[in-house]
Amino acid sequence: MPSLQTALPPELANNAVRLYRECLRRAKYIGHKQNNTQLLIEMVRQQFKKHMHETDPDKIQILKDNAARGLINHMLHESENLSGRKFSKSSA
């Protein structure tokens, strides 16, 4: 299965710290709009902290893909809101 991270810039996708920081930025942005910033930031921190000692490269890739999926979903959602149109889901 190909990595979802190809949809993100390589300098973000290949670096767990940068991925973490971007997830925190998105959590702050969403939290500010929904008035639950601290809750979302803590959720992101807990997920990254929970797996910070993972050494299995395949498991790490899956975790990074999951984080990338969350970022991509948020970017699509924001794009839909800005453009006023829905992006169709592919049926592949």
PDB file of N, CA and C in Angstrom:
ATOM      1  N   MET A   1       0.847  -1.176   0.000  1.00  0.00           N
ATOM      2  CA  MET A   1       0.000   0.000   0.000  1.00  0.00           C
ATOM      3  C   MET A   1       0.891   1.237   0.000  1.00  0.00           C
ATOM      4  N   PRO A   2       0.668   2.173  -0.921  1.00  0.00           N
ATOM      5  CA  PRO A   2       1.497   3.371  -0.978  1.00  0.00           C
ATOM      6  C   PRO A   2       1.223   4.284   0.212  1.00  0.00           C
ATOM      7  N   SER A   3       2.218   5.063   0.558  1.00  0.00           N
ATOM      8  CA  SER A   3       2.114   5.963   1.688  1.00  0.00           C
ATOM      9  C   SER A   3       1.253   7.174   1.348  1.00  0.00           C
ATOM     10  N   LEU A   4       0.449   7.593   2.293  1.00  0.00           N
ATOM     11  CA  LEU A   4      -0.346   8.809   2.126  1.00  0.00           C
ATOM     12  C   LEU A   4       0.520  10.049   2.168  1.00  0.00           C
ATOM     13  N   GLN A   5       1.712   9.894   2.674  1.00  0.00           N
ATOM     14  CA  GLN A   5       2.569  11.045   2.878  1.00  0.00           C
ATOM     15  C   GLN A   5       3.025  11.693   1.586  1.00  0.00           C
ATOM     16  N   THR A   6       2.839  11.032   0.460  1.00  0.00           N
ATOM     17  CA  THR A   6       3.232  11.639  -0.808  1.00  0.00           C
ATOM     18  C   THR A   6       2.375  12.862  -1.114  1.00  0.00           C
ATOM     19  N   ALA A   7       1.236  12.997  -0.444  1.00  0.00           N
ATOM     20  CA  ALA A   7       0.377  14.164  -0.642  1.00  0.00           C
ATOM     21  C   ALA A   7       0.873  15.376   0.141  1.00  0.00           C
ATOM     22  N   LEU A   8       1.817  15.164   1.035  1.00  0.00           N
ATOM     23  CA  LEU A   8       2.385  16.250   1.826  1.00  0.00           C
ATOM     24  C   LEU A   8       3.769  16.599   1.309  1.00  0.00           C
ATOM     25  N   PRO A   9       4.238  17.814   1.572  1.00  0.00           N
ATOM     26  CA  PRO A   9       5.611  18.152   1.183  1.00  0.00           C
ATOM     27  C   PRO A   9       6.599  17.203   1.856  1.00  0.00           C
ATOM     28  N   PRO A  10       7.643  16.756   1.146  1.00  0.00           N
ATOM     29  CA  PRO A  10       8.570  15.773   1.715  1.00  0.00           C
ATOM     30  C   PRO A  10       9.242  16.233   2.997  1.00  0.00           C
ATOM     31  N   GLU A  11       9.520  17.533   3.111  1.00  0.00           N
ATOM     32  CA  GLU A  11      10.173  18.009   4.333  1.00  0.00           C
ATOM     33  C   GLU A  11       9.265  17.869   5.550  1.00  0.00           C
ATOM     34  N   LEU A  12       7.965  17.770   5.334  1.00  0.00           N
ATOM     35  CA  LEU A  12       7.021  17.548   6.423  1.00  0.00           C
ATOM     36  C   LEU A  12       6.781  16.060   6.629  1.00  0.00           C
ATOM     37  N   ALA A  13       6.543  15.349   5.554  1.00  0.00           N
ATOM     38  CA  ALA A  13       6.178  13.937   5.642  1.00  0.00           C
ATOM     39  C   ALA A  13       7.305  13.060   6.170  1.00  0.00           C
ATOM     40  N   ASN A  14       8.543  13.399   5.877  1.00  0.00           N
ATOM     41  CA  ASN A  14       9.668  12.552   6.269  1.00  0.00           C
ATOM     42  C   ASN A  14      10.199  12.857   7.656  1.00  0.00           C
ATOM     43  N   ASN A  15       9.654  13.828   8.327  1.00  0.00           N
ATOM     44  CA  ASN A  15      10.177  14.248   9.612  1.00  0.00           C
ATOM     45  C   ASN A  15       9.055  14.228  10.644  1.00  0.00           C
ATOM     46  N   ALA A  16       9.157  13.333  11.617  1.00  0.00           N
ATOM     47  CA  ALA A  16       8.101  13.181  12.618  1.00  0.00           C
ATOM     48  C   ALA A  16       7.924  14.449  13.449  1.00  0.00           C
ATOM     49  N   VAL A  17       9.018  15.158  13.731  1.00  0.00           N
ATOM     50  CA  VAL A  17       8.919  16.378  14.532  1.00  0.00           C
ATOM     51  C   VAL A  17       8.138  17.450  13.775  1.00  0.00           C
ATOM     52  N   ARG A  18       8.431  17.604  12.503  1.00  0.00           N
ATOM     53  CA  ARG A  18       7.695  18.592  11.704  1.00  0.00           C
ATOM     54  C   ARG A  18       6.234  18.192  11.546  1.00  0.00           C
ATOM     55  N   LEU A  19       5.984  16.903  11.397  1.00  0.00           N
ATOM     56  CA  LEU A  19       4.616  16.408  11.299  1.00  0.00           C
ATOM     57  C   LEU A  19       3.861  16.711  12.600  1.00  0.00           C
ATOM     58  N   TYR A  20       4.526  16.485  13.727  1.00  0.00           N
ATOM     59  CA  TYR A  20       3.951  16.782  15.042  1.00  0.00           C
ATOM     60  C   TYR A  20       3.622  18.271  15.160  1.00  0.00           C
ATOM     61  N   ARG A  21       4.563  19.115  14.776  1.00  0.00           N
ATOM     62  CA  ARG A  21       4.341  20.564  14.863  1.00  0.00           C
ATOM     63  C   ARG A  21       3.177  21.006  13.983  1.00  0.00           C
ATOM     64  N   GLU A  22       3.092  20.442  12.799  1.00  0.00           N
ATOM     65  CA  GLU A  22       1.984  20.808  11.908  1.00  0.00           C
ATOM     66  C   GLU A  22       0.649  20.330  12.486  1.00  0.00           C
ATOM     67  N   CYS A  23       0.640  19.148  13.085  1.00  0.00           N
ATOM     68  CA  CYS A  23      -0.584  18.661  13.734  1.00  0.00           C
ATOM     69  C   CYS A  23      -0.985  19.596  14.876  1.00  0.00           C
ATOM     70  N   LEU A  24       0.004  20.076  15.643  1.00  0.00           N
ATOM     71  CA  LEU A  24      -0.294  21.024  16.719  1.00  0.00           C
ATOM     72  C   LEU A  24      -0.844  22.335  16.159  1.00  0.00           C
ATOM     73  N   ARG A  25      -0.258  22.813  15.070  1.00  0.00           N
ATOM     74  CA  ARG A  25      -0.758  24.047  14.448  1.00  0.00           C
ATOM     75  C   ARG A  25      -2.220  23.891  14.025  1.00  0.00           C
ATOM     76  N   ARG A  26      -2.521  22.754  13.406  1.00  0.00           N
ATOM     77  CA  ARG A  26      -3.900  22.509  12.960  1.00  0.00           C
ATOM     78  C   ARG A  26      -4.836  22.387  14.159  1.00  0.00           C
ATOM     79  N   ALA A  27      -4.370  21.741  15.229  1.00  0.00           N
ATOM     80  CA  ALA A  27      -5.192  21.604  16.432  1.00  0.00           C
ATOM     81  C   ALA A  27      -5.496  22.981  17.022  1.00  0.00           C
ATOM     82  N   LYS A  28      -4.495  23.861  17.043  1.00  0.00           N
ATOM     83  CA  LYS A  28      -4.715  25.220  17.557  1.00  0.00           C
ATOM     84  C   LYS A  28      -5.707  25.974  16.677  1.00  0.00           C
ATOM     85  N   TYR A  29      -5.560  25.823  15.377  1.00  0.00           N
ATOM     86  CA  TYR A  29      -6.451  26.511  14.438  1.00  0.00           C
ATOM     87  C   TYR A  29      -7.892  26.029  14.604  1.00  0.00           C
ATOM     88  N   ILE A  30      -8.072  24.721  14.606  1.00  0.00           N
ATOM     89  CA  ILE A  30      -9.420  24.159  14.750  1.00  0.00           C
ATOM     90  C   ILE A  30      -9.975  24.493  16.129  1.00  0.00           C
ATOM     91  N   GLY A  31      -9.134  24.346  17.149  1.00  0.00           N
ATOM     92  CA  GLY A  31      -9.570  24.626  18.512  1.00  0.00           C
ATOM     93  C   GLY A  31     -10.008  26.061  18.704  1.00  0.00           C
ATOM     94  N   HIS A  32      -9.304  26.979  18.064  1.00  0.00           N
ATOM     95  CA  HIS A  32      -9.676  28.393  18.160  1.00  0.00           C
ATOM     96  C   HIS A  32     -11.062  28.619  17.557  1.00  0.00           C
ATOM     97  N   LYS A  33     -11.341  27.953  16.448  1.00  0.00           N
ATOM     98  CA  LYS A  33     -12.638  28.111  15.789  1.00  0.00           C
ATOM     99  C   LYS A  33     -13.766  27.447  16.581  1.00  0.00           C
ATOM    100  N   GLN A  34     -13.432  26.370  17.315  1.00  0.00           N
ATOM    101  CA  GLN A  34     -14.468  25.609  18.019  1.00  0.00           C
ATOM    102  C   GLN A  34     -14.401  25.777  19.538  1.00  0.00           C
ATOM    103  N   ASN A  35     -13.518  26.654  20.004  1.00  0.00           N
ATOM    104  CA  ASN A  35     -13.368  26.943  21.439  1.00  0.00           C
ATOM    105  C   ASN A  35     -13.003  25.719  22.277  1.00  0.00           C
ATOM    106  N   ASN A  36     -12.159  24.848  21.731  1.00  0.00           N
ATOM    107  CA  ASN A  36     -11.672  23.698  22.502  1.00  0.00           C
ATOM    108  C   ASN A  36     -10.187  23.445  22.201  1.00  0.00           C
ATOM    109  N   THR A  37      -9.428  24.527  22.139  1.00  0.00           N
ATOM    110  CA  THR A  37      -8.020  24.454  21.757  1.00  0.00           C
ATOM    111  C   THR A  37      -7.227  23.505  22.644  1.00  0.00           C
ATOM    112  N   GLN A  38      -7.322  23.676  23.954  1.00  0.00           N
ATOM    113  CA  GLN A  38      -6.517  22.859  24.869  1.00  0.00           C
ATOM    114  C   GLN A  38      -6.822  21.372  24.726  1.00  0.00           C
ATOM    115  N   LEU A  39      -8.071  21.033  24.546  1.00  0.00           N
ATOM    116  CA  LEU A  39      -8.463  19.636  24.380  1.00  0.00           C
ATOM    117  C   LEU A  39      -7.820  19.035  23.135  1.00  0.00           C
ATOM    118  N   LEU A  40      -7.889  19.742  22.018  1.00  0.00           N
ATOM    119  CA  LEU A  40      -7.318  19.222  20.772  1.00  0.00           C
ATOM    120  C   LEU A  40      -5.798  19.130  20.839  1.00  0.00           C
ATOM    121  N   ILE A  41      -5.161  20.128  21.420  1.00  0.00           N
ATOM    122  CA  ILE A  41      -3.701  20.091  21.559  1.00  0.00           C
ATOM    123  C   ILE A  41      -3.293  18.899  22.417  1.00  0.00           C
ATOM    124  N   GLU A  42      -4.008  18.686  23.497  1.00  0.00           N
ATOM    125  CA  GLU A  42      -3.685  17.566  24.385  1.00  0.00           C
ATOM    126  C   GLU A  42      -3.898  16.224  23.683  1.00  0.00           C
ATOM    127  N   MET A  43      -4.917  16.129  22.845  1.00  0.00           N
ATOM    128  CA  MET A  43      -5.150  14.888  22.096  1.00  0.00           C
ATOM    129  C   MET A  43      -3.985  14.599  21.151  1.00  0.00           C
ATOM    130  N   VAL A  44      -3.515  15.619  20.452  1.00  0.00           N
ATOM    131  CA  VAL A  44      -2.377  15.444  19.542  1.00  0.00           C
ATOM    132  C   VAL A  44      -1.143  15.031  20.333  1.00  0.00           C
ATOM    133  N   ARG A  45      -0.879  15.730  21.432  1.00  0.00           N
ATOM    134  CA  ARG A  45       0.298  15.412  22.256  1.00  0.00           C
ATOM    135  C   ARG A  45       0.248  13.976  22.775  1.00  0.00           C
ATOM    136  N   GLN A  46      -0.912  13.568  23.246  1.00  0.00           N
ATOM    137  CA  GLN A  46      -1.043  12.215  23.783  1.00  0.00           C
ATOM    138  C   GLN A  46      -0.763  11.160  22.722  1.00  0.00           C
ATOM    139  N   GLN A  47      -1.281  11.363  21.522  1.00  0.00           N
ATOM    140  CA  GLN A  47      -1.076  10.374  20.462  1.00  0.00           C
ATOM    141  C   GLN A  47       0.393  10.265  20.067  1.00  0.00           C
ATOM    142  N   PHE A  48       1.069  11.391  19.935  1.00  0.00           N
ATOM    143  CA  PHE A  48       2.482  11.341  19.574  1.00  0.00           C
ATOM    144  C   PHE A  48       3.315  10.787  20.728  1.00  0.00           C
ATOM    145  N   LYS A  49       2.992  11.192  21.964  1.00  0.00           N
ATOM    146  CA  LYS A  49       3.746  10.724  23.129  1.00  0.00           C
ATOM    147  C   LYS A  49       3.565   9.218  23.328  1.00  0.00           C
ATOM    148  N   LYS A  50       2.373   8.739  23.077  1.00  0.00           N
ATOM    149  CA  LYS A  50       2.046   7.317  23.241  1.00  0.00           C
ATOM    150  C   LYS A  50       2.955   6.433  22.380  1.00  0.00           C
ATOM    151  N   HIS A  51       3.351   6.941  21.221  1.00  0.00           N
ATOM    152  CA  HIS A  51       4.129   6.141  20.276  1.00  0.00           C
ATOM    153  C   HIS A  51       5.565   6.632  20.092  1.00  0.00           C
ATOM    154  N   MET A  52       6.048   7.500  20.975  1.00  0.00           N
ATOM    155  CA  MET A  52       7.358   8.107  20.745  1.00  0.00           C
ATOM    156  C   MET A  52       8.523   7.132  20.850  1.00  0.00           C
ATOM    157  N   HIS A  53       8.330   5.999  21.473  1.00  0.00           N
ATOM    158  CA  HIS A  53       9.418   5.025  21.593  1.00  0.00           C
ATOM    159  C   HIS A  53       9.269   3.863  20.612  1.00  0.00           C
ATOM    160  N   GLU A  54       8.380   4.002  19.654  1.00  0.00           N
ATOM    161  CA  GLU A  54       8.168   2.955  18.642  1.00  0.00           C
ATOM    162  C   GLU A  54       9.433   2.810  17.794  1.00  0.00           C
ATOM    163  N   THR A  55       9.851   1.566  17.570  1.00  0.00           N
ATOM    164  CA  THR A  55      11.070   1.320  16.787  1.00  0.00           C
ATOM    165  C   THR A  55      10.805   0.549  15.499  1.00  0.00           C
ATOM    166  N   ASP A  56       9.641  -0.057  15.379  1.00  0.00           N
ATOM    167  CA  ASP A  56       9.319  -0.824  14.176  1.00  0.00           C
ATOM    168  C   ASP A  56       9.049   0.133  13.012  1.00  0.00           C
ATOM    169  N   PRO A  57       9.883   0.097  11.958  1.00  0.00           N
ATOM    170  CA  PRO A  57       9.723   1.034  10.838  1.00  0.00           C
ATOM    171  C   PRO A  57       8.348   0.955  10.165  1.00  0.00           C
ATOM    172  N   ASP A  58       7.785  -0.238  10.066  1.00  0.00           N
ATOM    173  CA  ASP A  58       6.462  -0.376   9.445  1.00  0.00           C
ATOM    174  C   ASP A  58       5.382   0.287  10.298  1.00  0.00           C
ATOM    175  N   LYS A  59       5.463   0.076  11.597  1.00  0.00           N
ATOM    176  CA  LYS A  59       4.499   0.696  12.517  1.00  0.00           C
ATOM    177  C   LYS A  59       4.654   2.220  12.498  1.00  0.00           C
ATOM    178  N   ILE A  60       5.896   2.699  12.462  1.00  0.00           N
ATOM    179  CA  ILE A  60       6.148   4.142  12.390  1.00  0.00           C
ATOM    180  C   ILE A  60       5.534   4.717  11.121  1.00  0.00           C
ATOM    181  N   GLN A  61       5.690   4.006  10.011  1.00  0.00           N
ATOM    182  CA  GLN A  61       5.118   4.473   8.745  1.00  0.00           C
ATOM    183  C   GLN A  61       3.603   4.558   8.830  1.00  0.00           C
ATOM    184  N   ILE A  62       2.982   3.567   9.448  1.00  0.00           N
ATOM    185  CA  ILE A  62       1.526   3.575   9.616  1.00  0.00           C
ATOM    186  C   ILE A  62       1.097   4.767  10.474  1.00  0.00           C
ATOM    187  N   LEU A  63       1.820   5.014  11.551  1.00  0.00           N
ATOM    188  CA  LEU A  63       1.493   6.138  12.428  1.00  0.00           C
ATOM    189  C   LEU A  63       1.645   7.475  11.700  1.00  0.00           C
ATOM    190  N   LYS A  64       2.715   7.597  10.924  1.00  0.00           N
ATOM    191  CA  LYS A  64       2.922   8.829  10.155  1.00  0.00           C
ATOM    192  C   LYS A  64       1.839   8.985   9.089  1.00  0.00           C
ATOM    193  N   ASP A  65       1.446   7.885   8.472  1.00  0.00           N
ATOM    194  CA  ASP A  65       0.356   7.932   7.489  1.00  0.00           C
ATOM    195  C   ASP A  65      -0.949   8.395   8.140  1.00  0.00           C
ATOM    196  N   ASN A  66      -1.213   7.905   9.346  1.00  0.00           N
ATOM    197  CA  ASN A  66      -2.425   8.313  10.053  1.00  0.00           C
ATOM    198  C   ASN A  66      -2.412   9.807  10.348  1.00  0.00           C
ATOM    199  N   ALA A  67      -1.262  10.320  10.773  1.00  0.00           N
ATOM    200  CA  ALA A  67      -1.139  11.758  11.032  1.00  0.00           C
ATOM    201  C   ALA A  67      -1.315  12.540   9.733  1.00  0.00           C
ATOM    202  N   ALA A  68      -0.704  12.049   8.662  1.00  0.00           N
ATOM    203  CA  ALA A  68      -0.826  12.709   7.360  1.00  0.00           C
ATOM    204  C   ALA A  68      -2.276  12.703   6.893  1.00  0.00           C
ATOM    205  N   ARG A  69      -2.980  11.608   7.119  1.00  0.00           N
ATOM    206  CA  ARG A  69      -4.389  11.509   6.728  1.00  0.00           C
ATOM    207  C   ARG A  69      -5.211  12.577   7.447  1.00  0.00           C
ATOM    208  N   GLY A  70      -4.942  12.756   8.728  1.00  0.00           N
ATOM    209  CA  GLY A  70      -5.653  13.785   9.480  1.00  0.00           C
ATOM    210  C   GLY A  70      -5.403  15.176   8.927  1.00  0.00           C
ATOM    211  N   LEU A  71      -4.146  15.464   8.589  1.00  0.00           N
ATOM    212  CA  LEU A  71      -3.815  16.773   8.019  1.00  0.00           C
ATOM    213  C   LEU A  71      -4.478  16.971   6.666  1.00  0.00           C
ATOM    214  N   ILE A  72      -4.433  15.948   5.841  1.00  0.00           N
ATOM    215  CA  ILE A  72      -5.030  16.035   4.505  1.00  0.00           C
ATOM    216  C   ILE A  72      -6.540  16.238   4.608  1.00  0.00           C
ATOM    217  N   ASN A  73      -7.184  15.493   5.503  1.00  0.00           N
ATOM    218  CA  ASN A  73      -8.630  15.646   5.684  1.00  0.00           C
ATOM    219  C   ASN A  73      -8.979  17.069   6.110  1.00  0.00           C
ATOM    220  N   HIS A  74      -8.167  17.619   7.015  1.00  0.00           N
ATOM    221  CA  HIS A  74      -8.436  18.984   7.462  1.00  0.00           C
ATOM    222  C   HIS A  74      -8.243  19.980   6.325  1.00  0.00           C
ATOM    223  N   MET A  75      -7.193  19.797   5.534  1.00  0.00           N
ATOM    224  CA  MET A  75      -6.951  20.704   4.411  1.00  0.00           C
ATOM    225  C   MET A  75      -8.088  20.630   3.391  1.00  0.00           C
ATOM    226  N   LEU A  76      -8.585  19.428   3.123  1.00  0.00           N
ATOM    227  CA  LEU A  76      -9.716  19.275   2.198  1.00  0.00           C
ATOM    228  C   LEU A  76     -10.968  19.954   2.747  1.00  0.00           C
ATOM    229  N   HIS A  77     -11.193  19.761   4.021  1.00  0.00           N
ATOM    230  CA  HIS A  77     -12.358  20.369   4.660  1.00  0.00           C
ATOM    231  C   HIS A  77     -12.284  21.894   4.562  1.00  0.00           C
ATOM    232  N   GLU A  78     -11.126  22.451   4.863  1.00  0.00           N
ATOM    233  CA  GLU A  78     -10.960  23.904   4.779  1.00  0.00           C
ATOM    234  C   GLU A  78     -11.109  24.391   3.337  1.00  0.00           C
ATOM    235  N   SER A  79     -10.585  23.632   2.391  1.00  0.00           N
ATOM    236  CA  SER A  79     -10.721  24.003   0.980  1.00  0.00           C
ATOM    237  C   SER A  79     -12.181  24.013   0.556  1.00  0.00           C
ATOM    238  N   GLU A  80     -12.932  23.017   1.021  1.00  0.00           N
ATOM    239  CA  GLU A  80     -14.361  22.973   0.717  1.00  0.00           C
ATOM    240  C   GLU A  80     -15.073  24.187   1.296  1.00  0.00           C
ATOM    241  N   ASN A  81     -14.721  24.542   2.523  1.00  0.00           N
ATOM    242  CA  ASN A  81     -15.356  25.702   3.151  1.00  0.00           C
ATOM    243  C   ASN A  81     -15.034  26.990   2.404  1.00  0.00           C
ATOM    244  N   LEU A  82     -13.798  27.139   1.976  1.00  0.00           N
ATOM    245  CA  LEU A  82     -13.387  28.355   1.276  1.00  0.00           C
ATOM    246  C   LEU A  82     -13.987  28.444  -0.123  1.00  0.00           C
ATOM    247  N   SER A  83     -14.047  27.313  -0.804  1.00  0.00           N
ATOM    248  CA  SER A  83     -14.528  27.329  -2.187  1.00  0.00           C
ATOM    249  C   SER A  83     -16.046  27.211  -2.284  1.00  0.00           C
ATOM    250  N   GLY A  84     -16.660  26.698  -1.237  1.00  0.00           N
ATOM    251  CA  GLY A  84     -18.106  26.523  -1.265  1.00  0.00           C
ATOM    252  C   GLY A  84     -18.554  25.299  -2.027  1.00  0.00           C
ATOM    253  N   ARG A  85     -17.626  24.440  -2.422  1.00  0.00           N
ATOM    254  CA  ARG A  85     -18.011  23.220  -3.141  1.00  0.00           C
ATOM    255  C   ARG A  85     -17.413  22.005  -2.450  1.00  0.00           C
ATOM    256  N   LYS A  86     -18.058  20.885  -2.653  1.00  0.00           N
ATOM    257  CA  LYS A  86     -17.604  19.628  -2.064  1.00  0.00           C
ATOM    258  C   LYS A  86     -16.715  18.898  -3.049  1.00  0.00           C
ATOM    259  N   PHE A  87     -15.638  18.314  -2.526  1.00  0.00           N
ATOM    260  CA  PHE A  87     -14.779  17.473  -3.352  1.00  0.00           C
ATOM    261  C   PHE A  87     -15.343  16.069  -3.299  1.00  0.00           C
ATOM    262  N   SER A  88     -15.540  15.476  -4.453  1.00  0.00           N
ATOM    263  CA  SER A  88     -16.125  14.137  -4.496  1.00  0.00           C
ATOM    264  C   SER A  88     -15.098  13.108  -4.077  1.00  0.00           C
ATOM    265  N   LYS A  89     -15.592  12.050  -3.451  1.00  0.00           N
ATOM    266  CA  LYS A  89     -14.721  10.942  -3.066  1.00  0.00           C
ATOM    267  C   LYS A  89     -14.583  10.012  -4.251  1.00  0.00           C
ATOM    268  N   SER A  90     -13.349   9.593  -4.516  1.00  0.00           N
ATOM    269  CA  SER A  90     -13.145   8.651  -5.623  1.00  0.00           C
ATOM    270  C   SER A  90     -13.599   7.275  -5.186  1.00  0.00           C
ATOM    271  N   SER A  91     -14.123   6.511  -6.094  1.00  0.00           N
ATOM    272  CA  SER A  91     -14.601   5.162  -5.782  1.00  0.00           C
ATOM    273  C   SER A  91     -13.623   4.134  -6.310  1.00  0.00           C
ATOM    274  N   ALA A  92     -12.344   4.314  -5.949  1.00  0.00           N
ATOM    275  CA  ALA A  92     -11.296   3.397  -6.410  1.00  0.00           C
ATOM    276  C   ALA A  92     -11.158   2.225  -5.498  1.00  0.00           C
TER     277      ALA A  92
END
